[in-house]
Protein backbone atom coordinates (compact mmCIF):
# COMPACT_ATOMS: atom_id res chain seq x y z
CA MET A 1 33.91 71.60 -12.76
CA LYS A 2 35.08 68.26 -11.37
CA ILE A 3 37.44 68.14 -8.40
CA GLY A 4 39.11 64.96 -7.20
CA VAL A 5 39.79 64.77 -3.45
CA ILE A 6 42.23 62.00 -2.57
CA ILE A 7 42.08 60.72 1.00
CA ALA A 8 45.67 60.19 2.05
CA ASN A 9 45.10 57.60 4.78
CA VAL A 10 43.93 54.05 4.11
CA GLY A 11 41.08 52.20 5.79
CA MET A 12 38.42 54.91 5.74
CA THR A 13 34.88 53.50 5.63
CA HIS A 14 32.42 54.27 2.83
CA ALA A 15 30.30 56.24 5.32
CA ALA A 16 33.29 58.36 6.34
CA LEU A 17 34.17 59.03 2.69
CA GLU A 18 30.60 60.02 1.92
CA ALA A 19 30.48 62.34 4.94
CA ARG A 20 33.51 64.22 3.63
CA ARG A 21 32.09 64.41 0.12
CA ALA A 22 28.77 65.69 1.45
CA PHE A 23 30.57 68.33 3.53
CA LEU A 24 32.44 69.62 0.49
CA MET A 25 29.44 69.47 -1.85
CA ALA A 26 27.40 71.52 0.62
CA ARG A 27 30.02 74.29 0.34
CA ALA A 28 30.90 73.98 -3.34
CA ARG A 29 29.84 76.43 -6.03
CA PRO A 30 26.88 75.53 -8.23
CA GLY A 31 28.19 73.31 -11.01
CA THR A 32 31.09 71.88 -9.00
CA GLN A 33 31.20 68.11 -8.63
CA VAL A 34 33.41 66.67 -5.90
CA GLU A 35 34.61 63.09 -6.10
CA VAL A 36 36.28 61.58 -3.02
CA LEU A 37 38.71 58.71 -3.48
CA CYS A 38 40.84 56.87 -0.95
CA ASN A 39 44.41 55.57 -1.02
CA THR A 40 44.52 51.77 -0.96
CA GLU A 41 48.12 51.64 0.21
CA GLY A 42 50.04 53.70 2.76
CA PRO A 43 49.64 54.83 6.38
CA ALA A 44 46.45 54.90 8.47
CA SER A 45 47.19 58.50 9.49
CA MET A 46 49.86 61.13 8.88
CA GLU A 47 51.54 62.20 12.11
CA SER A 48 55.16 62.14 10.95
CA VAL A 49 57.18 63.19 7.94
CA PHE A 50 57.73 59.52 7.07
CA GLU A 51 53.98 58.83 6.95
CA SER A 52 53.39 61.96 4.91
CA GLU A 53 56.04 60.98 2.38
CA GLU A 54 54.65 57.43 2.19
CA ALA A 55 51.16 58.77 1.51
CA SER A 56 52.50 61.26 -1.04
CA THR A 57 53.68 58.53 -3.41
CA GLN A 58 50.27 56.85 -3.38
CA ILE A 59 48.44 60.15 -3.86
CA VAL A 60 50.44 60.97 -6.99
CA ARG A 61 49.88 57.48 -8.37
CA HIS A 62 46.17 58.05 -7.83
CA MET A 63 46.34 61.33 -9.76
CA LEU A 64 48.12 59.62 -12.63
CA ARG A 65 45.42 56.94 -12.82
CA LEU A 66 42.73 59.62 -12.87
CA GLN A 67 44.29 61.73 -15.61
CA GLY A 68 42.08 61.95 -18.65
CA GLN A 69 38.89 61.27 -16.66
CA GLY A 70 37.66 64.86 -16.66
CA TYR A 71 39.13 66.13 -13.40
CA ASP A 72 39.82 69.87 -13.34
CA ALA A 73 41.80 69.88 -10.06
CA PHE A 74 43.07 67.57 -7.34
CA ILE A 75 43.19 68.06 -3.55
CA PRO A 76 45.01 65.71 -1.16
CA TRP A 77 42.89 65.28 1.98
CA CYS A 78 45.69 66.01 4.45
CA ALA A 79 46.89 69.31 5.90
CA GLY A 80 50.47 68.13 5.56
CA ASP A 81 49.95 68.70 1.82
CA PRO A 82 51.38 65.31 0.79
CA GLY A 83 51.75 64.83 -2.94
CA VAL A 84 51.28 68.50 -3.79
CA ILE A 85 54.74 69.27 -5.15
CA ALA A 86 55.25 65.85 -6.75
CA GLY A 87 51.73 65.93 -8.19
CA ARG A 88 52.37 69.28 -9.84
CA GLU A 89 55.37 67.74 -11.56
CA ARG A 90 53.23 65.00 -13.08
CA VAL A 91 49.78 66.43 -13.88
CA ASP A 92 48.70 69.61 -15.63
CA VAL A 93 45.56 70.51 -13.65
CA PRO A 94 45.86 72.40 -10.35
CA VAL A 95 47.04 70.37 -7.36
CA VAL A 96 45.86 72.33 -4.33
CA GLY A 97 47.32 71.92 -0.85
CA PRO A 98 44.89 72.42 2.06
CA MET A 99 47.61 73.81 4.34
CA GLN A 100 48.95 76.13 1.65
CA SER A 101 45.45 77.39 0.94
CA ALA A 102 44.55 77.92 4.60
CA CYS A 103 47.79 79.76 5.38
CA ALA A 104 47.44 81.95 2.29
CA LEU A 105 43.99 83.00 3.47
CA ALA A 106 45.16 83.51 7.06
CA ASN A 107 47.84 85.85 5.76
CA LEU A 108 45.12 88.02 4.23
CA LEU A 109 43.15 88.31 7.47
CA GLY A 110 45.65 90.02 9.78
CA TYR A 111 49.28 90.68 10.60
CA SER A 112 49.95 87.21 12.02
CA PHE A 113 48.35 83.80 12.33
CA SER A 114 48.74 80.65 14.40
CA VAL A 115 48.48 77.01 13.40
CA VAL A 116 46.76 74.44 15.62
CA SER A 117 47.61 70.80 14.86
CA PRO A 118 47.02 67.37 16.42
CA ASN A 119 49.98 65.13 17.39
CA THR A 120 52.60 66.85 15.23
CA ASP A 121 56.04 68.19 16.06
CA PRO A 122 55.63 72.00 16.04
CA ARG A 123 59.05 72.27 14.36
CA VAL A 124 57.62 70.40 11.37
CA VAL A 125 54.70 72.84 11.22
CA ARG A 126 57.08 75.78 11.32
CA ALA A 127 59.21 74.25 8.57
CA ARG A 128 56.13 73.86 6.34
CA VAL A 129 55.08 77.47 6.91
CA ARG A 130 58.67 78.59 6.28
CA ALA A 131 58.63 76.76 2.94
CA MET A 132 55.58 78.83 1.98
CA GLY A 133 57.49 82.05 2.69
CA LEU A 134 55.15 82.94 5.57
CA GLU A 135 57.35 82.28 8.59
CA GLY A 136 57.41 85.99 9.43
CA GLN A 137 53.63 85.95 9.79
CA LEU A 138 53.50 82.80 11.95
CA ALA A 139 52.66 83.77 15.53
CA SER A 140 52.79 80.22 16.89
CA ALA A 141 52.37 76.52 16.19
CA ARG A 142 50.30 74.92 18.93
CA ILE A 143 49.54 71.23 19.35
CA LEU A 144 46.36 69.51 20.57
CA ARG A 145 48.25 66.42 21.83
CA LYS A 146 45.56 64.12 20.51
CA PRO A 147 46.05 61.44 17.81
CA VAL A 148 44.45 62.17 14.45
CA LEU A 149 42.32 59.01 14.51
CA GLU A 150 40.76 60.06 17.84
CA LEU A 151 39.82 63.63 16.90
CA ARG A 152 36.30 62.82 15.69
CA ALA A 153 35.55 60.16 18.32
CA ASP A 154 34.34 62.85 20.74
CA LEU A 155 33.76 66.12 18.90
CA ASP A 156 32.73 68.03 22.03
CA ALA A 157 36.00 67.10 23.74
CA THR A 158 37.95 68.05 20.61
CA ARG A 159 36.18 71.42 20.42
CA THR A 160 37.14 72.07 24.04
CA LEU A 161 40.79 71.35 23.25
CA ILE A 162 40.70 73.58 20.17
CA ARG A 163 39.07 76.48 22.02
CA ALA A 164 41.74 76.29 24.72
CA GLU A 165 44.54 76.44 22.16
CA ILE A 166 42.87 79.26 20.21
CA ALA A 167 42.63 81.28 23.43
CA LYS A 168 46.40 80.87 23.89
CA CYS A 169 47.00 81.82 20.26
CA VAL A 170 45.05 85.03 20.70
CA GLU A 171 45.97 86.04 24.25
CA GLU A 172 49.59 84.87 24.43
CA ASP A 173 50.73 84.81 20.80
CA ARG A 174 48.63 87.75 19.51
CA ALA A 175 47.44 85.84 16.46
CA ASP A 176 44.89 87.57 14.23
CA ALA A 177 43.70 84.29 12.66
CA VAL A 178 44.06 80.57 13.32
CA VAL A 179 44.54 77.68 10.88
CA LEU A 180 43.27 74.25 11.91
CA ALA A 181 45.99 72.07 10.40
CA CYS A 182 44.24 68.73 10.17
CA MET A 183 41.54 67.54 7.81
CA ALA A 184 39.98 65.44 10.58
CA LEU A 185 38.85 68.77 12.03
CA TYR A 186 36.72 69.58 9.00
CA GLY A 187 33.58 71.51 9.82
CA LEU A 188 34.58 72.40 13.39
CA SER A 189 35.72 75.94 12.59
CA GLU A 190 32.08 76.86 11.93
CA THR A 191 31.05 75.82 15.46
CA LEU A 192 33.72 77.41 17.65
CA ALA A 193 32.52 81.02 18.00
CA ALA A 194 36.17 82.07 18.26
CA PRO A 195 37.31 85.69 18.74
CA VAL A 196 39.39 85.56 15.52
CA PRO A 197 38.83 83.95 12.11
CA VAL A 198 39.44 80.18 12.19
CA ILE A 199 40.22 78.61 8.82
CA ASP A 200 39.19 75.11 7.83
CA PRO A 201 41.80 73.72 5.40
CA ALA A 202 39.23 71.52 3.67
CA THR A 203 37.00 74.46 2.76
CA ALA A 204 40.02 76.63 1.95
CA ALA A 205 41.37 74.05 -0.51
CA LEU A 206 37.98 73.54 -2.14
CA HIS A 207 37.44 77.24 -2.79
CA MET A 208 41.04 77.75 -3.86
CA ALA A 209 40.70 74.94 -6.39
CA GLU A 210 37.41 76.36 -7.68
CA THR A 211 38.96 79.82 -8.03
CA MET A 212 42.01 78.54 -9.89
CA VAL A 213 39.88 76.53 -12.31
CA ALA A 214 37.46 79.44 -12.84
CA MET A 215 40.38 81.77 -13.59
CA GLY A 216 42.04 79.27 -15.93
CA LEU A 217 45.14 79.07 -13.72
CA THR A 218 47.43 76.15 -13.00
CA HIS A 219 51.05 75.68 -11.96
CA GLY A 220 53.79 76.53 -14.44
CA ARG A 221 56.37 74.14 -15.82
CA SER A 222 59.18 76.56 -14.96
CA ALA A 223 58.42 75.90 -11.30
CA TYR A 224 57.31 72.28 -11.59
CA PRO A 225 58.99 70.68 -14.63
CA PHE A 226 58.15 67.15 -15.70
CA PRO A 227 60.74 64.69 -14.36
CA LYS A 228 63.45 64.04 -16.94
CA GLU A 229 63.31 60.78 -18.84
CA THR A 230 65.98 58.33 -17.72
């Protein structure tokens, strides 16, 4: 099984790309090969709808270039799920959204869940969850108030911020699970010792993609038809 992970933001170093590939490979099933590729055009980070839409176009173009090269699924490396819907319209293999995957899992773990994001308008988060049909299960959308590109500069400080928001999610919002809605937070869920399940969207998307491929499932053309020829 070969899974293509497309980094949505430009400018990521080779070392950073390799760190993300190594993280995913360490958690992949035996026989799964993860290839990490990076957009060469688009925004440096996705903290607005405009940036997400800009990245989406480049992600889908990347998928189209990679068609026919043995990829069994694609994952955009962004918890805003850029390129997921458009990608499903253009390619036949599964296109798996990290946010969709994480929220789907959170919905299985309790009666409600919260989403913790970096510098994102909480109304945008709520709109994304609403589009998944899970708004009734969303306990809260809480924000770290820290730019995406600074999240991994001081991981201890970022963990402290996350733990504080998780405490509010549990104590004030009564969340049964928490989704970390940013791929820059990959790996941190395993180090938080939180009182509720905390879901890493990177790991969620990887395992969702593996499951879909193993089960022979992909999106249907009734839901995601090819764009009409003009």
